[in-house]
């Protein structure tokens, strides 16, 4: 079984690895049968996973419905995180951002219904809304906590100044942002601030949207609607140049009798005791592989070797198309 970790000083205890559920409904086609994904989520629970991540925008809405149905029989054993902050047209298409307090409270009611629960364990602002002061956002979630509809407040891809302002109104339990061996920007100022404030960190895309598994190269063809087709870091030329990073992981993995994916996850777990990665998958064998990363012990020598090798490898390509990059770090 997986060990538990606490997200900062909040006391919220979760399995050391969670399960990101987005790809079951969005961004990474093909999407398997719903019953198959319900079975996968329940298999994760049986393997010790207690932390599940979704959002209203995933689908939209379908992912929350999936997670809610899958976890209803074991609701008392798990922590469910979901997110607010987008608006949708009459056809359910995402059309922009909104974190107005009245919108947050309406969004929470929808998420509670779809998740088949009376309380959201961890409620993140999905992206910072530049038109709404973060103090108002934190105040709205504070009200939801007082009403018993939410237990913990989180932020996603927020800058340190925003985190501090929000935390002063309603303590932030966790920040969810991208972090991995090929996106290390949070190390500069975010991680020190979280440590100071006692806030946990939940890295999404801890396997670099699949690239760090070693199963993607310059010849890999993604489905037409796959999100990675829009990412500069995933052009064929960038993948070819960036493969040097995977080769370094593979060398360490061979010595440790592990896989590149397991080394990438074990590296994250070794960074701070309050970091809980949420790798996503749609396959049981990949779930098992990811969870075994918790058993990989990287020594100080291993970590120095990885650091030395990775620091010599320039990463080519932005992690997001420009319009999405503008929505992060605010």
C-alpha atoms as a PDB file:
ATOM      1  CA  UNK A   1       0.000   0.000   0.000  1.00  0.00           C
ATOM      2  CA  UNK A   2       1.074   3.587  -0.601  1.00  0.00           C
ATOM      3  CA  UNK A   3       2.382   5.703   2.237  1.00  0.00           C
ATOM      4  CA  UNK A   4       0.438   8.828   3.190  1.00  0.00           C
ATOM      5  CA  UNK A   5       1.562  12.424   2.971  1.00  0.00           C
ATOM      6  CA  UNK A   6       0.148  15.635   4.434  1.00  0.00           C
ATOM      7  CA  UNK A   7      -0.381  18.588   2.155  1.00  0.00           C
ATOM      8  CA  UNK A   8       1.544  21.227   4.062  1.00  0.00           C
ATOM      9  CA  UNK A   9       0.405  22.154   7.542  1.00  0.00           C
ATOM     10  CA  UNK A  10      -3.296  21.803   6.742  1.00  0.00           C
ATOM     11  CA  UNK A  11      -3.567  18.268   8.073  1.00  0.00           C
ATOM     12  CA  UNK A  12      -5.108  17.017   4.816  1.00  0.00           C
ATOM     13  CA  UNK A  13      -3.628  13.532   4.452  1.00  0.00           C
ATOM     14  CA  UNK A  14      -3.576  11.742   1.098  1.00  0.00           C
ATOM     15  CA  UNK A  15      -1.733   8.902  -0.608  1.00  0.00           C
ATOM     16  CA  UNK A  16       1.776   9.861  -1.723  1.00  0.00           C
ATOM     17  CA  UNK A  17       0.647   9.539  -5.342  1.00  0.00           C
ATOM     18  CA  UNK A  18      -2.777  10.593  -6.534  1.00  0.00           C
ATOM     19  CA  UNK A  19      -4.626   9.893  -9.778  1.00  0.00           C
ATOM     20  CA  UNK A  20      -5.216  12.657 -12.295  1.00  0.00           C
ATOM     21  CA  UNK A  21      -8.445  11.802 -14.109  1.00  0.00           C
ATOM     22  CA  UNK A  22      -8.548  14.495 -16.819  1.00  0.00           C
ATOM     23  CA  UNK A  23      -7.227  12.303 -19.629  1.00  0.00           C
ATOM     24  CA  UNK A  24     -10.139   9.916 -19.228  1.00  0.00           C
ATOM     25  CA  UNK A  25     -12.430  12.564 -20.726  1.00  0.00           C
ATOM     26  CA  UNK A  26     -10.305  15.304 -22.292  1.00  0.00           C
ATOM     27  CA  UNK A  27      -7.073  16.229 -24.096  1.00  0.00           C
ATOM     28  CA  UNK A  28      -5.679  12.727 -24.701  1.00  0.00           C
ATOM     29  CA  UNK A  29      -7.922  10.675 -27.013  1.00  0.00           C
ATOM     30  CA  UNK A  30      -9.085   8.034 -27.546  1.00  0.00           C
ATOM     31  CA  UNK A  31     -11.341   8.042 -24.512  1.00  0.00           C
ATOM     32  CA  UNK A  32     -12.174   4.578 -23.200  1.00  0.00           C
ATOM     33  CA  UNK A  33     -15.595   3.302 -22.272  1.00  0.00           C
ATOM     34  CA  UNK A  34     -16.963   4.895 -19.104  1.00  0.00           C
ATOM     35  CA  UNK A  35     -17.384   1.562 -17.363  1.00  0.00           C
ATOM     36  CA  UNK A  36     -13.739   0.767 -18.059  1.00  0.00           C
ATOM     37  CA  UNK A  37     -12.605   4.011 -16.425  1.00  0.00           C
ATOM     38  CA  UNK A  38     -14.893   3.473 -13.424  1.00  0.00           C
ATOM     39  CA  UNK A  39     -13.211   0.109 -12.978  1.00  0.00           C
ATOM     40  CA  UNK A  40      -9.756   1.715 -13.248  1.00  0.00           C
ATOM     41  CA  UNK A  41     -10.559   4.341 -10.627  1.00  0.00           C
ATOM     42  CA  UNK A  42     -11.872   1.685  -8.258  1.00  0.00           C
ATOM     43  CA  UNK A  43      -8.772  -0.441  -8.904  1.00  0.00           C
ATOM     44  CA  UNK A  44      -6.693   2.587  -7.884  1.00  0.00           C
ATOM     45  CA  UNK A  45      -8.564   2.763  -4.579  1.00  0.00           C
ATOM     46  CA  UNK A  46      -7.885  -0.903  -3.931  1.00  0.00           C
ATOM     47  CA  UNK A  47      -4.188  -0.234  -4.581  1.00  0.00           C
ATOM     48  CA  UNK A  48      -4.093   2.463  -1.930  1.00  0.00           C
ATOM     49  CA  UNK A  49      -4.757   5.648  -3.887  1.00  0.00           C
ATOM     50  CA  UNK A  50      -6.872   8.022  -1.812  1.00  0.00           C
ATOM     51  CA  UNK A  51      -6.444  11.259  -3.826  1.00  0.00           C
ATOM     52  CA  UNK A  52      -8.374  11.862  -7.055  1.00  0.00           C
ATOM     53  CA  UNK A  53      -8.231  14.972  -9.216  1.00  0.00           C
ATOM     54  CA  UNK A  54     -10.906  16.274 -11.583  1.00  0.00           C
ATOM     55  CA  UNK A  55     -12.461  19.601 -12.678  1.00  0.00           C
ATOM     56  CA  UNK A  56     -15.756  20.877 -14.036  1.00  0.00           C
ATOM     57  CA  UNK A  57     -14.049  21.928 -17.285  1.00  0.00           C
ATOM     58  CA  UNK A  58     -12.793  18.413 -18.028  1.00  0.00           C
ATOM     59  CA  UNK A  59     -15.250  17.244 -20.634  1.00  0.00           C
ATOM     60  CA  UNK A  60     -16.725  19.694 -19.674  1.00  0.00           C
ATOM     61  CA  UNK A  61     -18.588  18.089 -16.772  1.00  0.00           C
ATOM     62  CA  UNK A  62     -18.197  14.475 -17.918  1.00  0.00           C
ATOM     63  CA  UNK A  63     -15.091  13.874 -15.848  1.00  0.00           C
ATOM     64  CA  UNK A  64     -16.719  14.949 -12.596  1.00  0.00           C
ATOM     65  CA  UNK A  65     -19.659  12.682 -13.358  1.00  0.00           C
ATOM     66  CA  UNK A  66     -17.290   9.787 -14.015  1.00  0.00           C
ATOM     67  CA  UNK A  67     -15.289  10.366 -10.844  1.00  0.00           C
ATOM     68  CA  UNK A  68     -18.427  10.836  -8.777  1.00  0.00           C
ATOM     69  CA  UNK A  69     -19.957   7.577  -9.965  1.00  0.00           C
ATOM     70  CA  UNK A  70     -16.706   5.647  -9.550  1.00  0.00           C
ATOM     71  CA  UNK A  71     -16.019   6.846  -6.021  1.00  0.00           C
ATOM     72  CA  UNK A  72     -19.550   6.920  -4.603  1.00  0.00           C
ATOM     73  CA  UNK A  73     -19.268   3.434  -3.054  1.00  0.00           C
ATOM     74  CA  UNK A  74     -15.961   4.341  -1.340  1.00  0.00           C
ATOM     75  CA  UNK A  75     -16.557   8.038  -0.685  1.00  0.00           C
ATOM     76  CA  UNK A  76     -15.501   7.823   2.959  1.00  0.00           C
ATOM     77  CA  UNK A  77     -12.087   6.403   1.949  1.00  0.00           C
ATOM     78  CA  UNK A  78     -10.992   9.044  -0.555  1.00  0.00           C
ATOM     79  CA  UNK A  79     -10.163  12.726  -1.041  1.00  0.00           C
ATOM     80  CA  UNK A  80     -11.676  14.359  -4.120  1.00  0.00           C
ATOM     81  CA  UNK A  81     -10.237  17.540  -5.593  1.00  0.00           C
ATOM     82  CA  UNK A  82     -12.051  19.535  -8.250  1.00  0.00           C
ATOM     83  CA  UNK A  83     -11.766  23.029  -9.718  1.00  0.00           C
ATOM     84  CA  UNK A  84     -13.796  26.117 -10.622  1.00  0.00           C
ATOM     85  CA  UNK A  85     -13.093  29.201 -12.658  1.00  0.00           C
ATOM     86  CA  UNK A  86     -14.425  28.763 -16.202  1.00  0.00           C
ATOM     87  CA  UNK A  87     -17.699  29.765 -17.830  1.00  0.00           C
ATOM     88  CA  UNK A  88     -19.611  27.743 -20.413  1.00  0.00           C
ATOM     89  CA  UNK A  89     -22.118  28.473 -23.172  1.00  0.00           C
ATOM     90  CA  UNK A  90     -25.527  26.821 -23.529  1.00  0.00           C
ATOM     91  CA  UNK A  91     -23.938  23.860 -25.287  1.00  0.00           C
ATOM     92  CA  UNK A  92     -21.468  23.300 -22.428  1.00  0.00           C
ATOM     93  CA  UNK A  93     -18.442  24.674 -24.290  1.00  0.00           C
ATOM     94  CA  UNK A  94     -15.866  26.559 -22.238  1.00  0.00           C
ATOM     95  CA  UNK A  95     -15.896  30.227 -23.238  1.00  0.00           C
ATOM     96  CA  UNK A  96     -13.706  32.057 -20.741  1.00  0.00           C
ATOM     97  CA  UNK A  97     -12.785  32.680 -17.126  1.00  0.00           C
ATOM     98  CA  UNK A  98     -14.915  33.743 -14.191  1.00  0.00           C
ATOM     99  CA  UNK A  99     -14.135  33.647 -10.500  1.00  0.00           C
ATOM    100  CA  UNK A 100     -16.810  36.052  -9.384  1.00  0.00           C
ATOM    101  CA  UNK A 101     -18.037  34.944  -5.947  1.00  0.00           C
ATOM    102  CA  UNK A 102     -21.577  34.256  -7.139  1.00  0.00           C
ATOM    103  CA  UNK A 103     -20.205  32.155 -10.008  1.00  0.00           C
ATOM    104  CA  UNK A 104     -17.976  30.147  -7.642  1.00  0.00           C
ATOM    105  CA  UNK A 105     -20.919  29.294  -5.444  1.00  0.00           C
ATOM    106  CA  UNK A 106     -23.038  28.185  -8.423  1.00  0.00           C
ATOM    107  CA  UNK A 107     -20.134  26.133  -9.767  1.00  0.00           C
ATOM    108  CA  UNK A 108     -19.729  24.418  -6.415  1.00  0.00           C
ATOM    109  CA  UNK A 109     -23.366  23.324  -6.445  1.00  0.00           C
ATOM    110  CA  UNK A 110     -22.891  21.762  -9.874  1.00  0.00           C
ATOM    111  CA  UNK A 111     -19.724  19.981  -8.837  1.00  0.00           C
ATOM    112  CA  UNK A 112     -21.319  18.644  -5.669  1.00  0.00           C
ATOM    113  CA  UNK A 113     -24.187  17.222  -7.705  1.00  0.00           C
ATOM    114  CA  UNK A 114     -21.980  15.616 -10.337  1.00  0.00           C
ATOM    115  CA  UNK A 115     -19.558  14.233  -7.753  1.00  0.00           C
ATOM    116  CA  UNK A 116     -22.459  12.761  -5.737  1.00  0.00           C
ATOM    117  CA  UNK A 117     -21.091  14.188  -2.528  1.00  0.00           C
ATOM    118  CA  UNK A 118     -22.062  16.649   0.173  1.00  0.00           C
ATOM    119  CA  UNK A 119     -18.582  18.125   0.510  1.00  0.00           C
ATOM    120  CA  UNK A 120     -15.706  18.866  -1.876  1.00  0.00           C
ATOM    121  CA  UNK A 121     -12.497  17.936  -0.080  1.00  0.00           C
ATOM    122  CA  UNK A 122     -10.204  20.307  -2.009  1.00  0.00           C
ATOM    123  CA  UNK A 123     -11.574  23.101  -4.200  1.00  0.00           C
ATOM    124  CA  UNK A 124      -9.072  24.798  -6.499  1.00  0.00           C
ATOM    125  CA  UNK A 125      -9.360  27.993  -8.478  1.00  0.00           C
ATOM    126  CA  UNK A 126      -8.390  26.504 -11.850  1.00  0.00           C
ATOM    127  CA  UNK A 127      -6.768  29.635 -13.232  1.00  0.00           C
ATOM    128  CA  UNK A 128      -6.391  33.085 -11.723  1.00  0.00           C
ATOM    129  CA  UNK A 129      -9.057  35.494 -13.010  1.00  0.00           C
ATOM    130  CA  UNK A 130      -7.383  38.884 -13.587  1.00  0.00           C
ATOM    131  CA  UNK A 131     -10.777  40.621 -13.340  1.00  0.00           C
ATOM    132  CA  UNK A 132     -11.574  39.446  -9.802  1.00  0.00           C
ATOM    133  CA  UNK A 133      -9.392  40.298  -6.780  1.00  0.00           C
ATOM    134  CA  UNK A 134      -8.023  37.082  -5.302  1.00  0.00           C
ATOM    135  CA  UNK A 135      -9.256  38.229  -1.891  1.00  0.00           C
ATOM    136  CA  UNK A 136     -12.836  37.973  -3.185  1.00  0.00           C
ATOM    137  CA  UNK A 137     -12.158  34.493  -4.517  1.00  0.00           C
ATOM    138  CA  UNK A 138     -10.692  33.360  -1.204  1.00  0.00           C
ATOM    139  CA  UNK A 139     -13.637  34.929   0.611  1.00  0.00           C
ATOM    140  CA  UNK A 140     -16.141  33.017  -1.517  1.00  0.00           C
ATOM    141  CA  UNK A 141     -14.412  29.716  -0.790  1.00  0.00           C
ATOM    142  CA  UNK A 142     -14.217  30.687   2.886  1.00  0.00           C
ATOM    143  CA  UNK A 143     -18.014  31.007   2.824  1.00  0.00           C
ATOM    144  CA  UNK A 144     -18.347  27.570   1.197  1.00  0.00           C
ATOM    145  CA  UNK A 145     -16.116  26.106   3.902  1.00  0.00           C
ATOM    146  CA  UNK A 146     -18.254  27.734   6.592  1.00  0.00           C
ATOM    147  CA  UNK A 147     -21.336  26.196   4.947  1.00  0.00           C
ATOM    148  CA  UNK A 148     -19.741  22.729   4.994  1.00  0.00           C
ATOM    149  CA  UNK A 149     -19.727  22.435   1.190  1.00  0.00           C
ATOM    150  CA  UNK A 150     -15.929  22.604   0.880  1.00  0.00           C
ATOM    151  CA  UNK A 151     -13.189  21.459   3.248  1.00  0.00           C
ATOM    152  CA  UNK A 152      -9.992  22.921   1.773  1.00  0.00           C
ATOM    153  CA  UNK A 153      -9.029  25.759  -0.597  1.00  0.00           C
ATOM    154  CA  UNK A 154      -6.509  25.396  -3.404  1.00  0.00           C
ATOM    155  CA  UNK A 155      -5.004  27.420  -6.239  1.00  0.00           C
ATOM    156  CA  UNK A 156      -3.655  26.294  -9.608  1.00  0.00           C
ATOM    157  CA  UNK A 157      -0.802  27.883 -11.586  1.00  0.00           C
ATOM    158  CA  UNK A 158      -0.888  30.977  -9.360  1.00  0.00           C
ATOM    159  CA  UNK A 159       2.051  33.305  -8.783  1.00  0.00           C
ATOM    160  CA  UNK A 160       3.582  33.740  -5.326  1.00  0.00           C
ATOM    161  CA  UNK A 161       2.086  37.198  -4.806  1.00  0.00           C
ATOM    162  CA  UNK A 162      -1.388  35.800  -5.528  1.00  0.00           C
ATOM    163  CA  UNK A 163      -0.841  32.835  -3.226  1.00  0.00           C
ATOM    164  CA  UNK A 164       0.169  35.126  -0.362  1.00  0.00           C
ATOM    165  CA  UNK A 165      -2.831  37.420  -0.820  1.00  0.00           C
ATOM    166  CA  UNK A 166      -5.266  34.497  -0.953  1.00  0.00           C
ATOM    167  CA  UNK A 167      -3.665  32.761   2.010  1.00  0.00           C
ATOM    168  CA  UNK A 168      -4.177  35.860   4.159  1.00  0.00           C
ATOM    169  CA  UNK A 169      -7.953  35.590   3.677  1.00  0.00           C
ATOM    170  CA  UNK A 170      -8.455  31.815   3.651  1.00  0.00           C
ATOM    171  CA  UNK A 171      -5.537  29.448   4.291  1.00  0.00           C
ATOM    172  CA  UNK A 172      -4.510  27.720   1.069  1.00  0.00           C
ATOM    173  CA  UNK A 173      -4.067  23.973   1.543  1.00  0.00           C
ATOM    174  CA  UNK A 174      -2.430  23.175  -1.787  1.00  0.00           C
ATOM    175  CA  UNK A 175      -1.109  24.672  -4.979  1.00  0.00           C
ATOM    176  CA  UNK A 176      -1.494  22.595  -8.128  1.00  0.00           C
ATOM    177  CA  UNK A 177       0.906  23.540 -10.905  1.00  0.00           C
ATOM    178  CA  UNK A 178       2.991  21.818 -13.535  1.00  0.00           C
ATOM    179  CA  UNK A 179       6.285  20.467 -12.200  1.00  0.00           C
ATOM    180  CA  UNK A 180       8.542  17.732 -13.492  1.00  0.00           C
ATOM    181  CA  UNK A 181      12.084  17.090 -14.601  1.00  0.00           C
ATOM    182  CA  UNK A 182      11.393  19.021 -17.782  1.00  0.00           C
ATOM    183  CA  UNK A 183       9.446  21.915 -16.216  1.00  0.00           C
ATOM    184  CA  UNK A 184      11.229  23.103 -13.088  1.00  0.00           C
ATOM    185  CA  UNK A 185      10.156  26.747 -12.947  1.00  0.00           C
ATOM    186  CA  UNK A 186       8.383  26.322  -9.553  1.00  0.00           C
ATOM    187  CA  UNK A 187      11.746  25.731  -7.891  1.00  0.00           C
ATOM    188  CA  UNK A 188      12.768  29.381  -8.250  1.00  0.00           C
ATOM    189  CA  UNK A 189      10.236  31.067  -5.983  1.00  0.00           C
ATOM    190  CA  UNK A 190       7.084  28.956  -5.655  1.00  0.00           C
ATOM    191  CA  UNK A 191       8.481  26.046  -3.635  1.00  0.00           C
ATOM    192  CA  UNK A 192      10.250  28.289  -1.077  1.00  0.00           C
ATOM    193  CA  UNK A 193       7.055  30.303  -0.591  1.00  0.00           C
ATOM    194  CA  UNK A 194       4.929  27.179  -0.137  1.00  0.00           C
ATOM    195  CA  UNK A 195       7.391  25.855   2.428  1.00  0.00           C
ATOM    196  CA  UNK A 196       7.279  29.139   4.334  1.00  0.00           C
ATOM    197  CA  UNK A 197       3.477  29.260   4.307  1.00  0.00           C
ATOM    198  CA  UNK A 198       2.878  25.569   5.023  1.00  0.00           C
ATOM    199  CA  UNK A 199       1.107  24.890   1.737  1.00  0.00           C
ATOM    200  CA  UNK A 200       1.264  21.523  -0.012  1.00  0.00           C
ATOM    201  CA  UNK A 201       2.196  21.115  -3.666  1.00  0.00           C
ATOM    202  CA  UNK A 202       0.400  18.910  -6.189  1.00  0.00           C
ATOM    203  CA  UNK A 203       2.358  18.639  -9.461  1.00  0.00           C
ATOM    204  CA  UNK A 204       0.259  17.941 -12.530  1.00  0.00           C
ATOM    205  CA  UNK A 205       1.856  16.493 -15.673  1.00  0.00           C
ATOM    206  CA  UNK A 206       4.605  14.960 -13.502  1.00  0.00           C
ATOM    207  CA  UNK A 207       5.526  12.750 -16.473  1.00  0.00           C
ATOM    208  CA  UNK A 208       5.690  15.638 -18.923  1.00  0.00           C
ATOM    209  CA  UNK A 209       2.370  14.761 -20.605  1.00  0.00           C
ATOM    210  CA  UNK A 210       3.762  11.296 -21.227  1.00  0.00           C
ATOM    211  CA  UNK A 211       7.125  12.325 -22.650  1.00  0.00           C
ATOM    212  CA  UNK A 212       9.158  11.262 -19.617  1.00  0.00           C
ATOM    213  CA  UNK A 213       7.854   7.701 -19.864  1.00  0.00           C
ATOM    214  CA  UNK A 214      10.189   7.054 -22.803  1.00  0.00           C
ATOM    215  CA  UNK A 215       7.331   5.834 -24.969  1.00  0.00           C
ATOM    216  CA  UNK A 216       7.150   8.991 -27.115  1.00  0.00           C
ATOM    217  CA  UNK A 217       9.710  10.007 -29.733  1.00  0.00           C
ATOM    218  CA  UNK A 218       9.871  12.174 -32.862  1.00  0.00           C
ATOM    219  CA  UNK A 219       8.004   9.509 -34.851  1.00  0.00           C
ATOM    220  CA  UNK A 220       5.030   9.250 -32.503  1.00  0.00           C
ATOM    221  CA  UNK A 221       1.752  10.247 -34.175  1.00  0.00           C
ATOM    222  CA  UNK A 222      -0.933  11.686 -31.897  1.00  0.00           C
ATOM    223  CA  UNK A 223      -4.625  11.656 -32.723  1.00  0.00           C
ATOM    224  CA  UNK A 224      -5.808  14.814 -34.464  1.00  0.00           C
ATOM    225  CA  UNK A 225      -7.594  16.211 -31.392  1.00  0.00           C
ATOM    226  CA  UNK A 226      -4.779  15.346 -28.964  1.00  0.00           C
ATOM    227  CA  UNK A 227      -3.819  18.449 -26.967  1.00  0.00           C
ATOM    228  CA  UNK A 228      -0.129  17.753 -27.473  1.00  0.00           C
ATOM    229  CA  UNK A 229      -0.437  18.649 -31.160  1.00  0.00           C
ATOM    230  CA  UNK A 230      -0.763  22.302 -30.070  1.00  0.00           C
ATOM    231  CA  UNK A 231       2.255  22.351 -27.744  1.00  0.00           C
ATOM    232  CA  UNK A 232       5.584  23.719 -29.067  1.00  0.00           C
ATOM    233  CA  UNK A 233       7.504  21.264 -26.883  1.00  0.00           C
ATOM    234  CA  UNK A 234       5.827  18.393 -28.742  1.00  0.00           C
ATOM    235  CA  UNK A 235       6.755  19.240 -32.310  1.00  0.00           C
ATOM    236  CA  UNK A 236       8.657  16.383 -33.936  1.00  0.00           C
ATOM    237  CA  UNK A 237      11.874  18.437 -33.953  1.00  0.00           C
ATOM    238  CA  UNK A 238      11.519  19.363 -30.280  1.00  0.00           C
ATOM    239  CA  UNK A 239      10.768  15.770 -29.307  1.00  0.00           C
ATOM    240  CA  UNK A 240      13.891  14.628 -31.108  1.00  0.00           C
ATOM    241  CA  UNK A 241      16.102  17.129 -29.274  1.00  0.00           C
ATOM    242  CA  UNK A 242      14.392  16.613 -25.914  1.00  0.00           C
ATOM    243  CA  UNK A 243      14.817  12.848 -26.055  1.00  0.00           C
ATOM    244  CA  UNK A 244      18.267  13.281 -24.477  1.00  0.00           C
ATOM    245  CA  UNK A 245      16.453  13.913 -21.198  1.00  0.00           C
ATOM    246  CA  UNK A 246      14.628  10.587 -21.424  1.00  0.00           C
ATOM    247  CA  UNK A 247      17.874   8.812 -22.256  1.00  0.00           C
ATOM    248  CA  UNK A 248      19.392  10.101 -19.023  1.00  0.00           C
ATOM    249  CA  UNK A 249      16.362   8.905 -17.053  1.00  0.00           C
ATOM    250  CA  UNK A 250      16.576   5.529 -18.755  1.00  0.00           C
ATOM    251  CA  UNK A 251      20.222   5.149 -17.703  1.00  0.00           C
ATOM    252  CA  UNK A 252      19.334   5.758 -14.050  1.00  0.00           C
ATOM    253  CA  UNK A 253      16.262   3.531 -14.358  1.00  0.00           C
ATOM    254  CA  UNK A 254      18.304   0.628 -15.683  1.00  0.00           C
ATOM    255  CA  UNK A 255      20.628   0.774 -12.714  1.00  0.00           C
ATOM    256  CA  UNK A 256      17.742   1.049 -10.233  1.00  0.00           C
ATOM    257  CA  UNK A 257      15.744  -1.731 -11.956  1.00  0.00           C
ATOM    258  CA  UNK A 258      12.961   0.727 -12.628  1.00  0.00           C
ATOM    259  CA  UNK A 259      11.401   2.545 -15.590  1.00  0.00           C
ATOM    260  CA  UNK A 260      11.993   6.156 -16.695  1.00  0.00           C
ATOM    261  CA  UNK A 261       8.483   7.045 -15.515  1.00  0.00           C
ATOM    262  CA  UNK A 262       9.194   5.617 -12.065  1.00  0.00           C
ATOM    263  CA  UNK A 263      12.444   7.579 -11.793  1.00  0.00           C
ATOM    264  CA  UNK A 264      10.667  10.792 -12.813  1.00  0.00           C
ATOM    265  CA  UNK A 265       7.989  10.276 -10.137  1.00  0.00           C
ATOM    266  CA  UNK A 266      10.471   9.150  -7.490  1.00  0.00           C
ATOM    267  CA  UNK A 267      12.508  12.287  -8.179  1.00  0.00           C
ATOM    268  CA  UNK A 268       9.457  14.449  -7.481  1.00  0.00           C
ATOM    269  CA  UNK A 269       8.659  12.564  -4.280  1.00  0.00           C
ATOM    270  CA  UNK A 270      12.241  13.139  -3.131  1.00  0.00           C
ATOM    271  CA  UNK A 271      12.048  16.913  -3.519  1.00  0.00           C
ATOM    272  CA  UNK A 272       9.784  17.684  -0.535  1.00  0.00           C
ATOM    273  CA  UNK A 273       7.710  15.533   1.865  1.00  0.00           C
ATOM    274  CA  UNK A 274       4.638  17.667   1.122  1.00  0.00           C
ATOM    275  CA  UNK A 275       4.683  17.103  -2.649  1.00  0.00           C
ATOM    276  CA  UNK A 276       2.008  14.741  -4.035  1.00  0.00           C
ATOM    277  CA  UNK A 277       2.169  14.144  -7.813  1.00  0.00           C
ATOM    278  CA  UNK A 278      -0.992  13.186  -9.691  1.00  0.00           C
ATOM    279  CA  UNK A 279       0.033  11.203 -12.791  1.00  0.00           C
ATOM    280  CA  UNK A 280      -2.875  10.344 -15.054  1.00  0.00           C
ATOM    281  CA  UNK A 281      -3.458   7.164 -16.987  1.00  0.00           C
ATOM    282  CA  UNK A 282      -6.178   5.188 -18.739  1.00  0.00           C
ATOM    283  CA  UNK A 283      -4.449   1.805 -18.450  1.00  0.00           C
ATOM    284  CA  UNK A 284      -4.184  -0.510 -15.460  1.00  0.00           C
ATOM    285  CA  UNK A 285      -0.611  -1.541 -16.281  1.00  0.00           C
ATOM    286  CA  UNK A 286       0.481   2.105 -16.341  1.00  0.00           C
ATOM    287  CA  UNK A 287      -1.313   2.719 -13.030  1.00  0.00           C
ATOM    288  CA  UNK A 288       0.614  -0.147 -11.469  1.00  0.00           C
ATOM    289  CA  UNK A 289       3.874   1.127 -12.953  1.00  0.00           C
ATOM    290  CA  UNK A 290       3.289   4.631 -11.603  1.00  0.00           C
ATOM    291  CA  UNK A 291       2.363   3.459  -8.121  1.00  0.00           C
ATOM    292  CA  UNK A 292       5.503   1.342  -7.879  1.00  0.00           C
ATOM    293  CA  UNK A 293       7.476   4.578  -8.171  1.00  0.00           C
ATOM    294  CA  UNK A 294       6.731   5.073  -4.480  1.00  0.00           C
ATOM    295  CA  UNK A 295       8.951   2.053  -3.778  1.00  0.00           C
ATOM    296  CA  UNK A 296      11.938   3.481  -5.684  1.00  0.00           C
ATOM    297  CA  UNK A 297      14.442   4.983  -3.290  1.00  0.00           C
ATOM    298  CA  UNK A 298      16.738   7.564  -4.808  1.00  0.00           C
ATOM    299  CA  UNK A 299      19.879   8.128  -2.747  1.00  0.00           C
ATOM    300  CA  UNK A 300      21.598  11.479  -2.446  1.00  0.00           C
ATOM    301  CA  UNK A 301      24.113  10.202  -5.001  1.00  0.00           C
ATOM    302  CA  UNK A 302      21.303   9.275  -7.385  1.00  0.00           C
ATOM    303  CA  UNK A 303      19.764  12.715  -7.023  1.00  0.00           C
ATOM    304  CA  UNK A 304      23.092  14.442  -7.625  1.00  0.00           C
ATOM    305  CA  UNK A 305      23.649  12.310 -10.721  1.00  0.00           C
ATOM    306  CA  UNK A 306      20.223  13.199 -12.092  1.00  0.00           C
ATOM    307  CA  UNK A 307      20.719  16.887 -11.298  1.00  0.00           C
ATOM    308  CA  UNK A 308      24.139  16.975 -12.937  1.00  0.00           C
ATOM    309  CA  UNK A 309      22.950  15.207 -16.067  1.00  0.00           C
ATOM    310  CA  UNK A 310      19.710  17.128 -16.492  1.00  0.00           C
ATOM    311  CA  UNK A 311      21.354  20.515 -15.968  1.00  0.00           C
ATOM    312  CA  UNK A 312      23.414  19.913 -19.108  1.00  0.00           C
ATOM    313  CA  UNK A 313      20.375  19.306 -21.315  1.00  0.00           C
ATOM    314  CA  UNK A 314      18.584  22.356 -22.780  1.00  0.00           C
ATOM    315  CA  UNK A 315      14.857  21.770 -23.220  1.00  0.00           C
ATOM    316  CA  UNK A 316      13.446  22.910 -26.537  1.00  0.00           C
ATOM    317  CA  UNK A 317       9.968  24.365 -26.932  1.00  0.00           C
ATOM    318  CA  UNK A 318       7.454  26.170 -24.739  1.00  0.00           C
ATOM    319  CA  UNK A 319       5.282  24.056 -22.485  1.00  0.00           C
ATOM    320  CA  UNK A 320       2.049  25.688 -23.737  1.00  0.00           C
ATOM    321  CA  UNK A 321       0.842  27.592 -26.790  1.00  0.00           C
ATOM    322  CA  UNK A 322       1.067  31.330 -26.125  1.00  0.00           C
ATOM    323  CA  UNK A 323      -2.619  31.899 -25.350  1.00  0.00           C
ATOM    324  CA  UNK A 324      -2.554  29.291 -22.574  1.00  0.00           C
ATOM    325  CA  UNK A 325       0.796  30.392 -21.216  1.00  0.00           C
ATOM    326  CA  UNK A 326      -0.727  33.835 -20.632  1.00  0.00           C
ATOM    327  CA  UNK A 327      -3.213  32.230 -18.217  1.00  0.00           C
ATOM    328  CA  UNK A 328      -0.502  30.936 -15.887  1.00  0.00           C
ATOM    329  CA  UNK A 329       1.693  32.554 -13.248  1.00  0.00           C
ATOM    330  CA  UNK A 330      -0.718  35.409 -12.486  1.00  0.00           C
END
